[in-house]
PDB file of N, CA and C in Angstrom:
ATOM      1  N   MET A   1      14.803   7.374  -3.123  1.00  0.00           N
ATOM      2  CA  MET A   1      13.691   6.811  -2.219  1.00  0.00           C
ATOM      3  C   MET A   1      13.905   5.750  -2.457  1.00  0.00           C
ATOM      4  N   SER A   2      13.472   4.775  -1.133  1.00  0.00           N
ATOM      5  CA  SER A   2      13.632   3.482  -1.151  1.00  0.00           C
ATOM      6  C   SER A   2      11.797   2.718  -0.566  1.00  0.00           C
ATOM      7  N   ILE A   3      11.139   2.120  -1.328  1.00  0.00           N
ATOM      8  CA  ILE A   3       9.903   1.880  -1.094  1.00  0.00           C
ATOM      9  C   ILE A   3       9.719   0.234  -0.782  1.00  0.00           C
ATOM     10  N   LYS A   4       9.879  -0.166   0.374  1.00  0.00           N
ATOM     11  CA  LYS A   4       9.747  -1.852   0.765  1.00  0.00           C
ATOM     12  C   LYS A   4       8.162  -2.311   0.904  1.00  0.00           C
ATOM     13  N   LEU A   5       7.812  -3.539   0.223  1.00  0.00           N
ATOM     14  CA  LEU A   5       6.738  -4.329   0.555  1.00  0.00           C
ATOM     15  C   LEU A   5       6.724  -4.975   1.436  1.00  0.00           C
ATOM     16  N   LYS A   6       6.172  -5.004   2.811  1.00  0.00           N
ATOM     17  CA  LYS A   6       5.788  -6.136   3.969  1.00  0.00           C
ATOM     18  C   LYS A   6       4.157  -6.192   4.312  1.00  0.00           C
ATOM     19  N   ARG A   7       3.828  -7.936   4.486  1.00  0.00           N
ATOM     20  CA  ARG A   7       2.713  -8.160   5.065  1.00  0.00           C
ATOM     21  C   ARG A   7       2.828  -7.600   6.432  1.00  0.00           C
ATOM     22  N   VAL A   8       1.869  -6.831   6.913  1.00  0.00           N
ATOM     23  CA  VAL A   8       1.520  -6.254   8.211  1.00  0.00           C
ATOM     24  C   VAL A   8       1.712  -7.638   9.466  1.00  0.00           C
ATOM     25  N   TYR A   9       1.469  -8.948   9.030  1.00  0.00           N
ATOM     26  CA  TYR A   9       1.761  -9.657  10.111  1.00  0.00           C
ATOM     27  C   TYR A   9       2.717 -10.142  10.194  1.00  0.00           C
ATOM     28  N   GLU A  10       4.200  -9.739   9.381  1.00  0.00           N
ATOM     29  CA  GLU A  10       5.269 -10.142   9.549  1.00  0.00           C
ATOM     30  C   GLU A  10       5.960  -9.145  10.654  1.00  0.00           C
ATOM     31  N   PRO A  11       6.794  -9.304  11.863  1.00  0.00           N
ATOM     32  CA  PRO A  11       7.486  -8.489  12.785  1.00  0.00           C
ATOM     33  C   PRO A  11       7.993  -7.708  12.112  1.00  0.00           C
ATOM     34  N   PRO A  12       7.881  -6.652  12.416  1.00  0.00           N
ATOM     35  CA  PRO A  12       8.738  -5.363  12.133  1.00  0.00           C
ATOM     36  C   PRO A  12      10.354  -5.161  12.394  1.00  0.00           C
ATOM     37  N   ALA A  13      11.187  -4.908  11.556  1.00  0.00           N
ATOM     38  CA  ALA A  13      12.475  -4.544  11.559  1.00  0.00           C
ATOM     39  C   ALA A  13      12.984  -3.141  11.374  1.00  0.00           C
ATOM     40  N   MET A  14      14.111  -3.242  12.035  1.00  0.00           N
ATOM     41  CA  MET A  14      14.848  -1.845  12.057  1.00  0.00           C
ATOM     42  C   MET A  14      15.106  -1.301  10.756  1.00  0.00           C
ATOM     43  N   ASP A  15      15.157  -2.336   9.852  1.00  0.00           N
ATOM     44  CA  ASP A  15      15.881  -1.833   8.311  1.00  0.00           C
ATOM     45  C   ASP A  15      14.091  -1.260   7.504  1.00  0.00           C
ATOM     46  N   ASP A  16      12.889  -1.263   8.572  1.00  0.00           N
ATOM     47  CA  ASP A  16      11.692  -1.052   7.411  1.00  0.00           C
ATOM     48  C   ASP A  16      11.451   0.408   7.341  1.00  0.00           C
ATOM     49  N   GLY A  17      12.168   1.318   8.358  1.00  0.00           N
ATOM     50  CA  GLY A  17      11.654   2.756   8.160  1.00  0.00           C
ATOM     51  C   GLY A  17      10.277   2.926   8.409  1.00  0.00           C
ATOM     52  N   TYR A  18      10.016   4.198   7.817  1.00  0.00           N
ATOM     53  CA  TYR A  18       9.075   4.611   8.125  1.00  0.00           C
ATOM     54  C   TYR A  18       7.890   3.438   7.777  1.00  0.00           C
ATOM     55  N   ARG A  19       6.801   3.372   8.260  1.00  0.00           N
ATOM     56  CA  ARG A  19       6.273   1.745   8.006  1.00  0.00           C
ATOM     57  C   ARG A  19       4.796   2.684   7.806  1.00  0.00           C
ATOM     58  N   VAL A  20       4.165   2.409   6.786  1.00  0.00           N
ATOM     59  CA  VAL A  20       2.499   3.033   6.138  1.00  0.00           C
ATOM     60  C   VAL A  20       1.921   1.773   5.500  1.00  0.00           C
ATOM     61  N   LEU A  21       0.787   1.686   6.541  1.00  0.00           N
ATOM     62  CA  LEU A  21      -0.226   0.545   6.517  1.00  0.00           C
ATOM     63  C   LEU A  21      -1.155   1.064   5.170  1.00  0.00           C
ATOM     64  N   VAL A  22      -0.986   0.682   4.025  1.00  0.00           N
ATOM     65  CA  VAL A  22      -2.006   1.143   2.558  1.00  0.00           C
ATOM     66  C   VAL A  22      -3.093   0.116   2.619  1.00  0.00           C
ATOM     67  N   GLU A  23      -3.876  -0.040   3.473  1.00  0.00           N
ATOM     68  CA  GLU A  23      -4.900  -1.035   3.123  1.00  0.00           C
ATOM     69  C   GLU A  23      -6.204   0.175   4.037  1.00  0.00           C
ATOM     70  N   ARG A  24      -7.159  -0.133   3.327  1.00  0.00           N
ATOM     71  CA  ARG A  24      -8.564   0.587   3.444  1.00  0.00           C
ATOM     72  C   ARG A  24      -9.574   0.298   4.727  1.00  0.00           C
ATOM     73  N   LEU A  25      -8.980  -1.055   5.085  1.00  0.00           N
ATOM     74  CA  LEU A  25      -9.459  -1.612   6.173  1.00  0.00           C
ATOM     75  C   LEU A  25      -8.088  -2.267   7.448  1.00  0.00           C
ATOM     76  N   TRP A  26      -8.414  -1.974   8.466  1.00  0.00           N
ATOM     77  CA  TRP A  26      -7.629  -2.769   9.741  1.00  0.00           C
ATOM     78  C   TRP A  26      -7.315  -4.075   9.762  1.00  0.00           C
ATOM     79  N   PRO A  27      -6.095  -4.695   9.455  1.00  0.00           N
ATOM     80  CA  PRO A  27      -5.946  -6.072   9.235  1.00  0.00           C
ATOM     81  C   PRO A  27      -6.618  -6.911  10.217  1.00  0.00           C
ATOM     82  N   ARG A  28      -7.081  -7.886  10.192  1.00  0.00           N
ATOM     83  CA  ARG A  28      -7.886  -8.613  11.218  1.00  0.00           C
ATOM     84  C   ARG A  28      -6.914  -9.585  11.962  1.00  0.00           C
ATOM     85  N   GLY A  29      -6.893  -9.170  13.425  1.00  0.00           N
ATOM     86  CA  GLY A  29      -5.887 -10.055  14.191  1.00  0.00           C
ATOM     87  C   GLY A  29      -5.112  -9.375  14.764  1.00  0.00           C
ATOM     88  N   VAL A  30      -4.642  -8.360  14.214  1.00  0.00           N
ATOM     89  CA  VAL A  30      -3.524  -7.133  14.591  1.00  0.00           C
ATOM     90  C   VAL A  30      -3.602  -6.131  15.305  1.00  0.00           C
ATOM     91  N   SER A  31      -3.159  -6.091  16.843  1.00  0.00           N
ATOM     92  CA  SER A  31      -3.496  -4.783  17.263  1.00  0.00           C
ATOM     93  C   SER A  31      -2.407  -3.870  17.038  1.00  0.00           C
ATOM     94  N   LYS A  32      -2.715  -2.472  17.181  1.00  0.00           N
ATOM     95  CA  LYS A  32      -2.019  -1.447  16.658  1.00  0.00           C
ATOM     96  C   LYS A  32      -0.687  -1.202  17.154  1.00  0.00           C
ATOM     97  N   GLU A  33      -0.616  -1.818  18.531  1.00  0.00           N
ATOM     98  CA  GLU A  33       0.967  -1.942  19.152  1.00  0.00           C
ATOM     99  C   GLU A  33       1.976  -2.793  18.335  1.00  0.00           C
ATOM    100  N   ARG A  34       0.746  -4.213  17.957  1.00  0.00           N
ATOM    101  CA  ARG A  34       1.866  -4.806  17.076  1.00  0.00           C
ATOM    102  C   ARG A  34       2.343  -4.499  15.848  1.00  0.00           C
ATOM    103  N   ALA A  35       1.441  -3.941  15.294  1.00  0.00           N
ATOM    104  CA  ALA A  35       1.827  -3.485  14.151  1.00  0.00           C
ATOM    105  C   ALA A  35       2.498  -2.425  13.770  1.00  0.00           C
ATOM    106  N   HIS A  36       3.247  -1.508  14.661  1.00  0.00           N
ATOM    107  CA  HIS A  36       3.757  -0.755  14.756  1.00  0.00           C
ATOM    108  C   HIS A  36       3.375   0.163  13.414  1.00  0.00           C
ATOM    109  N   VAL A  37       2.960   0.790  13.480  1.00  0.00           N
ATOM    110  CA  VAL A  37       2.404   1.345  11.592  1.00  0.00           C
ATOM    111  C   VAL A  37       2.510   3.031  12.093  1.00  0.00           C
ATOM    112  N   ASP A  38       3.495   3.598  11.729  1.00  0.00           N
ATOM    113  CA  ASP A  38       3.687   5.061  11.878  1.00  0.00           C
ATOM    114  C   ASP A  38       2.417   5.720  11.449  1.00  0.00           C
ATOM    115  N   LEU A  39       2.136   5.141   9.878  1.00  0.00           N
ATOM    116  CA  LEU A  39       1.032   6.108   9.395  1.00  0.00           C
ATOM    117  C   LEU A  39       0.138   5.092   8.766  1.00  0.00           C
ATOM    118  N   TRP A  40      -1.536   5.258   8.870  1.00  0.00           N
ATOM    119  CA  TRP A  40      -2.127   4.497   8.223  1.00  0.00           C
ATOM    120  C   TRP A  40      -3.001   5.141   7.281  1.00  0.00           C
ATOM    121  N   MET A  41      -2.812   4.731   6.007  1.00  0.00           N
ATOM    122  CA  MET A  41      -3.120   5.784   4.851  1.00  0.00           C
ATOM    123  C   MET A  41      -4.348   4.779   4.240  1.00  0.00           C
ATOM    124  N   LYS A  42      -5.720   4.668   4.836  1.00  0.00           N
ATOM    125  CA  LYS A  42      -6.868   4.145   4.668  1.00  0.00           C
ATOM    126  C   LYS A  42      -6.883   4.388   2.691  1.00  0.00           C
ATOM    127  N   ASP A  43      -7.087   6.150   2.603  1.00  0.00           N
ATOM    128  CA  ASP A  43      -7.292   6.051   1.393  1.00  0.00           C
ATOM    129  C   ASP A  43      -6.523   5.715  -0.217  1.00  0.00           C
ATOM    130  N   ALA A  44      -5.218   5.374   0.558  1.00  0.00           N
ATOM    131  CA  ALA A  44      -4.327   4.780  -0.493  1.00  0.00           C
ATOM    132  C   ALA A  44      -4.414   2.919  -0.765  1.00  0.00           C
ATOM    133  N   GLY A  45      -5.676   2.734   0.222  1.00  0.00           N
ATOM    134  CA  GLY A  45      -6.131   1.368  -0.456  1.00  0.00           C
ATOM    135  C   GLY A  45      -7.140   1.335  -1.260  1.00  0.00           C
ATOM    136  N   ALA A  46      -7.359   0.443  -1.833  1.00  0.00           N
ATOM    137  CA  ALA A  46      -8.571   0.362  -3.203  1.00  0.00           C
ATOM    138  C   ALA A  46      -9.747   0.196  -2.786  1.00  0.00           C
ATOM    139  N   SER A  47     -10.246   0.973  -3.346  1.00  0.00           N
ATOM    140  CA  SER A  47     -12.291   1.106  -3.094  1.00  0.00           C
ATOM    141  C   SER A  47     -12.348  -0.258  -2.493  1.00  0.00           C
ATOM    142  N   ARG A  48     -13.796  -0.115  -2.282  1.00  0.00           N
ATOM    143  CA  ARG A  48     -14.151  -1.285  -1.544  1.00  0.00           C
ATOM    144  C   ARG A  48     -14.712  -1.767  -2.418  1.00  0.00           C
ATOM    145  N   GLU A  49     -15.405  -1.114  -3.829  1.00  0.00           N
ATOM    146  CA  GLU A  49     -15.625  -1.882  -4.990  1.00  0.00           C
ATOM    147  C   GLU A  49     -14.662  -2.869  -5.836  1.00  0.00           C
ATOM    148  N   LEU A  50     -13.467  -1.858  -5.929  1.00  0.00           N
ATOM    149  CA  LEU A  50     -12.658  -2.805  -6.551  1.00  0.00           C
ATOM    150  C   LEU A  50     -11.983  -3.657  -5.771  1.00  0.00           C
ATOM    151  N   ARG A  51     -11.811  -3.931  -4.491  1.00  0.00           N
ATOM    152  CA  ARG A  51     -11.173  -4.829  -3.708  1.00  0.00           C
ATOM    153  C   ARG A  51     -12.090  -6.098  -4.121  1.00  0.00           C
ATOM    154  N   VAL A  52     -13.656  -5.687  -3.826  1.00  0.00           N
ATOM    155  CA  VAL A  52     -14.717  -6.916  -4.044  1.00  0.00           C
ATOM    156  C   VAL A  52     -14.529  -7.428  -5.501  1.00  0.00           C
ATOM    157  N   TRP A  53     -14.272  -6.787  -6.204  1.00  0.00           N
ATOM    158  CA  TRP A  53     -14.109  -7.507  -7.515  1.00  0.00           C
ATOM    159  C   TRP A  53     -12.832  -8.261  -7.773  1.00  0.00           C
ATOM    160  N   PHE A  54     -11.909  -7.806  -7.305  1.00  0.00           N
ATOM    161  CA  PHE A  54     -11.006  -8.363  -7.289  1.00  0.00           C
ATOM    162  C   PHE A  54     -10.761  -9.430  -7.169  1.00  0.00           C
ATOM    163  N   GLY A  55     -10.871  -9.561  -5.691  1.00  0.00           N
ATOM    164  CA  GLY A  55     -11.023 -10.918  -4.576  1.00  0.00           C
ATOM    165  C   GLY A  55      -9.741 -11.629  -4.473  1.00  0.00           C
ATOM    166  N   HIS A  56      -8.648 -10.392  -4.911  1.00  0.00           N
ATOM    167  CA  HIS A  56      -7.062 -11.523  -5.144  1.00  0.00           C
ATOM    168  C   HIS A  56      -7.103 -12.379  -6.139  1.00  0.00           C
ATOM    169  N   ASP A  57      -7.803 -12.611  -7.323  1.00  0.00           N
ATOM    170  CA  ASP A  57      -7.699 -13.100  -8.234  1.00  0.00           C
ATOM    171  C   ASP A  57      -6.946 -12.822  -8.945  1.00  0.00           C
ATOM    172  N   PRO A  58      -5.715 -13.639  -9.333  1.00  0.00           N
ATOM    173  CA  PRO A  58      -4.140 -13.279 -10.242  1.00  0.00           C
ATOM    174  C   PRO A  58      -4.664 -12.741 -11.589  1.00  0.00           C
ATOM    175  N   ASP A  59      -5.734 -13.638 -11.855  1.00  0.00           N
ATOM    176  CA  ASP A  59      -6.459 -13.779 -13.494  1.00  0.00           C
ATOM    177  C   ASP A  59      -6.757 -12.162 -13.674  1.00  0.00           C
ATOM    178  N   LYS A  60      -7.376 -11.756 -12.591  1.00  0.00           N
ATOM    179  CA  LYS A  60      -8.084 -10.495 -12.747  1.00  0.00           C
ATOM    180  C   LYS A  60      -6.646  -9.150 -12.413  1.00  0.00           C
ATOM    181  N   TRP A  61      -5.676  -9.268 -12.609  1.00  0.00           N
ATOM    182  CA  TRP A  61      -4.432  -8.469 -11.894  1.00  0.00           C
ATOM    183  C   TRP A  61      -4.168  -7.258 -13.079  1.00  0.00           C
ATOM    184  N   GLU A  62      -4.374  -7.538 -14.275  1.00  0.00           N
ATOM    185  CA  GLU A  62      -3.728  -6.286 -15.297  1.00  0.00           C
ATOM    186  C   GLU A  62      -4.887  -5.310 -14.687  1.00  0.00           C
ATOM    187  N   ASP A  63      -6.312  -5.993 -14.989  1.00  0.00           N
ATOM    188  CA  ASP A  63      -7.529  -5.297 -15.166  1.00  0.00           C
ATOM    189  C   ASP A  63      -7.336  -4.485 -13.652  1.00  0.00           C
ATOM    190  N   PHE A  64      -6.843  -5.274 -12.761  1.00  0.00           N
ATOM    191  CA  PHE A  64      -6.909  -3.903 -10.986  1.00  0.00           C
ATOM    192  C   PHE A  64      -6.147  -3.780 -10.969  1.00  0.00           C
ATOM    193  N   ARG A  65      -4.817  -3.609 -11.569  1.00  0.00           N
ATOM    194  CA  ARG A  65      -4.045  -2.609 -11.772  1.00  0.00           C
ATOM    195  C   ARG A  65      -4.310  -1.278 -12.473  1.00  0.00           C
ATOM    196  N   THR A  66      -5.138  -1.316 -13.689  1.00  0.00           N
ATOM    197  CA  THR A  66      -5.649  -0.509 -14.541  1.00  0.00           C
ATOM    198  C   THR A  66      -6.581   0.441 -13.645  1.00  0.00           C
ATOM    199  N   ARG A  67      -7.439  -0.137 -13.136  1.00  0.00           N
ATOM    200  CA  ARG A  67      -8.477   0.592 -12.285  1.00  0.00           C
ATOM    201  C   ARG A  67      -8.046   1.021 -10.925  1.00  0.00           C
ATOM    202  N   TYR A  68      -7.128   0.273 -10.612  1.00  0.00           N
ATOM    203  CA  TYR A  68      -6.527   1.148  -9.069  1.00  0.00           C
ATOM    204  C   TYR A  68      -5.561   2.129  -9.469  1.00  0.00           C
ATOM    205  N   PHE A  69      -4.485   2.013 -10.446  1.00  0.00           N
ATOM    206  CA  PHE A  69      -4.141   3.759 -11.084  1.00  0.00           C
ATOM    207  C   PHE A  69      -5.030   4.491 -11.282  1.00  0.00           C
ATOM    208  N   GLU A  70      -6.176   4.302 -11.870  1.00  0.00           N
ATOM    209  CA  GLU A  70      -7.063   5.296 -12.193  1.00  0.00           C
ATOM    210  C   GLU A  70      -7.638   5.659 -10.858  1.00  0.00           C
ATOM    211  N   GLU A  71      -8.057   5.073  -9.770  1.00  0.00           N
ATOM    212  CA  GLU A  71      -8.268   5.689  -8.483  1.00  0.00           C
ATOM    213  C   GLU A  71      -7.591   6.391  -7.886  1.00  0.00           C
ATOM    214  N   MET A  72      -6.108   5.759  -8.212  1.00  0.00           N
ATOM    215  CA  MET A  72      -5.280   6.439  -7.604  1.00  0.00           C
ATOM    216  C   MET A  72      -5.152   8.263  -8.388  1.00  0.00           C
ATOM    217  N   ARG A  73      -5.261   8.108  -9.442  1.00  0.00           N
ATOM    218  CA  ARG A  73      -5.474   9.354 -10.135  1.00  0.00           C
ATOM    219  C   ARG A  73      -6.325  10.259  -9.807  1.00  0.00           C
ATOM    220  N   GLY A  74      -7.303   9.893  -9.319  1.00  0.00           N
ATOM    221  CA  GLY A  74      -8.363  10.758  -8.423  1.00  0.00           C
ATOM    222  C   GLY A  74      -8.075  11.185  -7.169  1.00  0.00           C
ATOM    223  N   ARG A  75      -7.166  11.054  -6.469  1.00  0.00           N
ATOM    224  CA  ARG A  75      -6.631  11.070  -5.022  1.00  0.00           C
ATOM    225  C   ARG A  75      -5.754  11.932  -5.131  1.00  0.00           C
ATOM    226  N   PRO A  76      -5.481  13.080  -5.505  1.00  0.00           N
ATOM    227  CA  PRO A  76      -4.365  13.555  -5.660  1.00  0.00           C
ATOM    228  C   PRO A  76      -3.692  14.211  -4.416  1.00  0.00           C
ATOM    229  N   GLU A  77      -4.533  14.162  -3.333  1.00  0.00           N
ATOM    230  CA  GLU A  77      -3.822  14.368  -1.755  1.00  0.00           C
ATOM    231  C   GLU A  77      -2.876  13.382  -1.356  1.00  0.00           C
ATOM    232  N   VAL A  78      -3.553  11.993  -1.842  1.00  0.00           N
ATOM    233  CA  VAL A  78      -3.088  10.825  -1.239  1.00  0.00           C
ATOM    234  C   VAL A  78      -1.816  10.921  -1.781  1.00  0.00           C
ATOM    235  N   ILE A  79      -1.246  10.956  -3.069  1.00  0.00           N
ATOM    236  CA  ILE A  79      -0.292  10.590  -4.126  1.00  0.00           C
ATOM    237  C   ILE A  79       0.715  12.319  -3.458  1.00  0.00           C
ATOM    238  N   ARG A  80       0.343  13.477  -3.202  1.00  0.00           N
ATOM    239  CA  ARG A  80       1.068  14.479  -2.341  1.00  0.00           C
ATOM    240  C   ARG A  80       1.534  14.000  -1.102  1.00  0.00           C
ATOM    241  N   GLU A  81       0.847  13.495  -0.101  1.00  0.00           N
ATOM    242  CA  GLU A  81       1.367  12.727   1.342  1.00  0.00           C
ATOM    243  C   GLU A  81       2.330  11.723   1.093  1.00  0.00           C
ATOM    244  N   LEU A  82       1.873  10.919   0.094  1.00  0.00           N
ATOM    245  CA  LEU A  82       2.913  10.001  -0.220  1.00  0.00           C
ATOM    246  C   LEU A  82       4.108  10.564  -0.190  1.00  0.00           C
ATOM    247  N   ASN A  83       4.046  11.324  -1.432  1.00  0.00           N
ATOM    248  CA  ASN A  83       5.663  11.987  -2.238  1.00  0.00           C
ATOM    249  C   ASN A  83       6.471  13.000  -0.774  1.00  0.00           C
ATOM    250  N   LYS A  84       5.483  13.463  -0.230  1.00  0.00           N
ATOM    251  CA  LYS A  84       6.217  14.281   1.249  1.00  0.00           C
ATOM    252  C   LYS A  84       6.857  13.265   2.191  1.00  0.00           C
ATOM    253  N   ILE A  85       6.365  12.173   2.138  1.00  0.00           N
ATOM    254  CA  ILE A  85       6.891  11.187   3.032  1.00  0.00           C
ATOM    255  C   ILE A  85       7.998  10.863   2.487  1.00  0.00           C
ATOM    256  N   LEU A  86       8.142  10.179   1.149  1.00  0.00           N
ATOM    257  CA  LEU A  86       9.013   9.569   0.602  1.00  0.00           C
ATOM    258  C   LEU A  86      10.436  10.499   0.041  1.00  0.00           C
ATOM    259  N   SER A  87       9.814  11.774   0.157  1.00  0.00           N
ATOM    260  CA  SER A  87      11.151  12.551  -0.074  1.00  0.00           C
ATOM    261  C   SER A  87      12.080  13.042   1.622  1.00  0.00           C
ATOM    262  N   ARG A  88      11.270  12.709   2.892  1.00  0.00           N
ATOM    263  CA  ARG A  88      11.523  12.781   3.804  1.00  0.00           C
ATOM    264  C   ARG A  88      12.250  11.744   4.094  1.00  0.00           C
ATOM    265  N   GLU A  89      11.871  10.774   4.042  1.00  0.00           N
ATOM    266  CA  GLU A  89      12.404   9.535   4.799  1.00  0.00           C
ATOM    267  C   GLU A  89      13.348   8.576   3.853  1.00  0.00           C
ATOM    268  N   LYS A  90      14.205   7.891   4.188  1.00  0.00           N
ATOM    269  CA  LYS A  90      15.304   7.037   3.805  1.00  0.00           C
ATOM    270  C   LYS A  90      14.386   6.015   3.165  1.00  0.00           C
ATOM    271  N   THR A  91      13.839   5.192   4.035  1.00  0.00           N
ATOM    272  CA  THR A  91      13.025   4.216   3.293  1.00  0.00           C
ATOM    273  C   THR A  91      11.827   4.244   4.173  1.00  0.00           C
ATOM    274  N   VAL A  92      10.916   3.773   3.027  1.00  0.00           N
ATOM    275  CA  VAL A  92       9.491   3.808   3.504  1.00  0.00           C
ATOM    276  C   VAL A  92       9.082   2.064   3.142  1.00  0.00           C
ATOM    277  N   THR A  93       8.192   1.547   4.233  1.00  0.00           N
ATOM    278  CA  THR A  93       7.737   0.239   3.880  1.00  0.00           C
ATOM    279  C   THR A  93       6.574   0.389   3.688  1.00  0.00           C
ATOM    280  N   PHE A  94       5.745   0.068   2.801  1.00  0.00           N
ATOM    281  CA  PHE A  94       4.296   0.037   2.457  1.00  0.00           C
ATOM    282  C   PHE A  94       3.683  -1.737   3.094  1.00  0.00           C
ATOM    283  N   LEU A  95       2.940  -1.462   3.790  1.00  0.00           N
ATOM    284  CA  LEU A  95       2.095  -2.833   4.580  1.00  0.00           C
ATOM    285  C   LEU A  95       0.878  -2.793   4.260  1.00  0.00           C
ATOM    286  N   PHE A  96       1.082  -4.139   3.705  1.00  0.00           N
ATOM    287  CA  PHE A  96      -0.721  -4.649   3.582  1.00  0.00           C
ATOM    288  C   PHE A  96      -0.836  -6.209   4.142  1.00  0.00           C
ATOM    289  N   ALA A  97      -2.307  -6.204   3.749  1.00  0.00           N
ATOM    290  CA  ALA A  97      -2.624  -7.315   4.559  1.00  0.00           C
ATOM    291  C   ALA A  97      -2.768  -8.531   3.862  1.00  0.00           C
ATOM    292  N   ALA A  98      -2.319  -8.711   2.377  1.00  0.00           N
ATOM    293  CA  ALA A  98      -2.985 -10.059   1.671  1.00  0.00           C
ATOM    294  C   ALA A  98      -1.659 -10.781   1.834  1.00  0.00           C
ATOM    295  N   HIS A  99      -2.517 -12.486   1.496  1.00  0.00           N
ATOM    296  CA  HIS A  99      -1.768 -13.544   1.474  1.00  0.00           C
ATOM    297  C   HIS A  99      -0.857 -13.395   0.482  1.00  0.00           C
ATOM    298  N   ASP A 100      -1.422 -12.964  -0.848  1.00  0.00           N
ATOM    299  CA  ASP A 100      -0.511 -12.992  -1.988  1.00  0.00           C
ATOM    300  C   ASP A 100       0.466 -11.625  -1.963  1.00  0.00           C
ATOM    301  N   GLU A 101       1.395 -12.018  -2.086  1.00  0.00           N
ATOM    302  CA  GLU A 101       2.391 -10.824  -2.226  1.00  0.00           C
ATOM    303  C   GLU A 101       2.965 -10.278  -3.278  1.00  0.00           C
ATOM    304  N   LEU A 102       2.298 -10.834  -4.277  1.00  0.00           N
ATOM    305  CA  LEU A 102       2.668  -9.998  -5.869  1.00  0.00           C
ATOM    306  C   LEU A 102       1.157  -9.824  -6.274  1.00  0.00           C
ATOM    307  N   HIS A 103       0.148  -9.683  -5.820  1.00  0.00           N
ATOM    308  CA  HIS A 103      -0.870  -9.403  -6.332  1.00  0.00           C
ATOM    309  C   HIS A 103      -1.598  -8.428  -5.271  1.00  0.00           C
ATOM    310  N   ASN A 104      -1.595  -7.434  -4.896  1.00  0.00           N
ATOM    311  CA  ASN A 104      -2.515  -6.633  -3.911  1.00  0.00           C
ATOM    312  C   ASN A 104      -1.797  -5.585  -4.127  1.00  0.00           C
ATOM    313  N   ASN A 105      -2.908  -4.059  -3.440  1.00  0.00           N
ATOM    314  CA  ASN A 105      -2.480  -3.082  -3.983  1.00  0.00           C
ATOM    315  C   ASN A 105      -1.503  -2.061  -3.050  1.00  0.00           C
ATOM    316  N   ALA A 106      -0.532  -2.876  -2.490  1.00  0.00           N
ATOM    317  CA  ALA A 106       0.756  -1.884  -1.878  1.00  0.00           C
ATOM    318  C   ALA A 106       1.637  -2.228  -2.907  1.00  0.00           C
ATOM    319  N   VAL A 107       1.516  -3.587  -4.200  1.00  0.00           N
ATOM    320  CA  VAL A 107       2.200  -3.899  -5.061  1.00  0.00           C
ATOM    321  C   VAL A 107       1.769  -2.806  -6.125  1.00  0.00           C
ATOM    322  N   ALA A 108       0.829  -2.592  -6.607  1.00  0.00           N
ATOM    323  CA  ALA A 108       0.205  -1.752  -7.533  1.00  0.00           C
ATOM    324  C   ALA A 108       0.383  -0.437  -7.304  1.00  0.00           C
ATOM    325  N   LEU A 109       0.627   0.282  -6.040  1.00  0.00           N
ATOM    326  CA  LEU A 109       0.834   1.542  -5.511  1.00  0.00           C
ATOM    327  C   LEU A 109       2.519   1.818  -5.604  1.00  0.00           C
ATOM    328  N   LYS A 110       2.967   0.809  -5.386  1.00  0.00           N
ATOM    329  CA  LYS A 110       4.462   1.079  -5.605  1.00  0.00           C
ATOM    330  C   LYS A 110       5.125   1.199  -6.964  1.00  0.00           C
ATOM    331  N   GLU A 111       4.587   0.102  -7.760  1.00  0.00           N
ATOM    332  CA  GLU A 111       4.529   0.565  -9.096  1.00  0.00           C
ATOM    333  C   GLU A 111       3.689   1.911  -9.748  1.00  0.00           C
ATOM    334  N   PHE A 112       3.046   2.157  -9.124  1.00  0.00           N
ATOM    335  CA  PHE A 112       2.465   3.524  -9.728  1.00  0.00           C
ATOM    336  C   PHE A 112       3.380   4.855  -9.254  1.00  0.00           C
ATOM    337  N   LEU A 113       3.685   4.412  -8.230  1.00  0.00           N
ATOM    338  CA  LEU A 113       4.524   5.944  -7.563  1.00  0.00           C
ATOM    339  C   LEU A 113       5.846   5.537  -8.417  1.00  0.00           C
ATOM    340  N   ASP A 114       6.510   4.820  -8.482  1.00  0.00           N
ATOM    341  CA  ASP A 114       7.913   4.558  -8.956  1.00  0.00           C
ATOM    342  C   ASP A 114       7.525   5.126 -10.513  1.00  0.00           C
ATOM    343  N   ALA A 115       6.311   4.707 -11.271  1.00  0.00           N
ATOM    344  CA  ALA A 115       6.137   5.478 -12.833  1.00  0.00           C
ATOM    345  C   ALA A 115       5.805   6.948 -12.589  1.00  0.00           C
ATOM    346  N   HIS A 116       5.565   7.430 -11.648  1.00  0.00           N
ATOM    347  CA  HIS A 116       4.485   8.901 -11.497  1.00  0.00           C
ATOM    348  C   HIS A 116       6.044  10.003 -10.375  1.00  0.00           C
ATOM    349  N   LEU A 117       6.421   9.335  -9.754  1.00  0.00           N
ATOM    350  CA  LEU A 117       7.365  10.294  -8.736  1.00  0.00           C
ATOM    351  C   LEU A 117       8.659  10.155  -9.147  1.00  0.00           C
ATOM    352  N   GLN A 118       9.206  10.223 -10.303  1.00  0.00           N
ATOM    353  CA  GLN A 118      10.715   9.818 -10.693  1.00  0.00           C
ATOM    354  C   GLN A 118      11.251  11.694 -11.340  1.00  0.00           C
TER     355      GLN A 118
END
């Protein structure tokens, strides 16, 4: 399995494979046609409370990851669905809206799945 990460605002590429938006909210200013999303997994995004608390503050990253992982453990149906997609698709690209490409829930989700789906 190959998981790639990409901002939803970047143009789609042939090597993106199956494109999954992993945000709870649809990104501002992006039409569904322009996004080229194969699946929008709202429940793979961080909860509203966690998003607001985090505020994309890199100083809170470690705590965010811990809390986000806990949220994901409580969503086994999301993990099952992602596991099915990852077993079926050669490449899956997680799309995210955050400006910070290192500190966002797509990065945390990839880390979580890498550790739990081996």
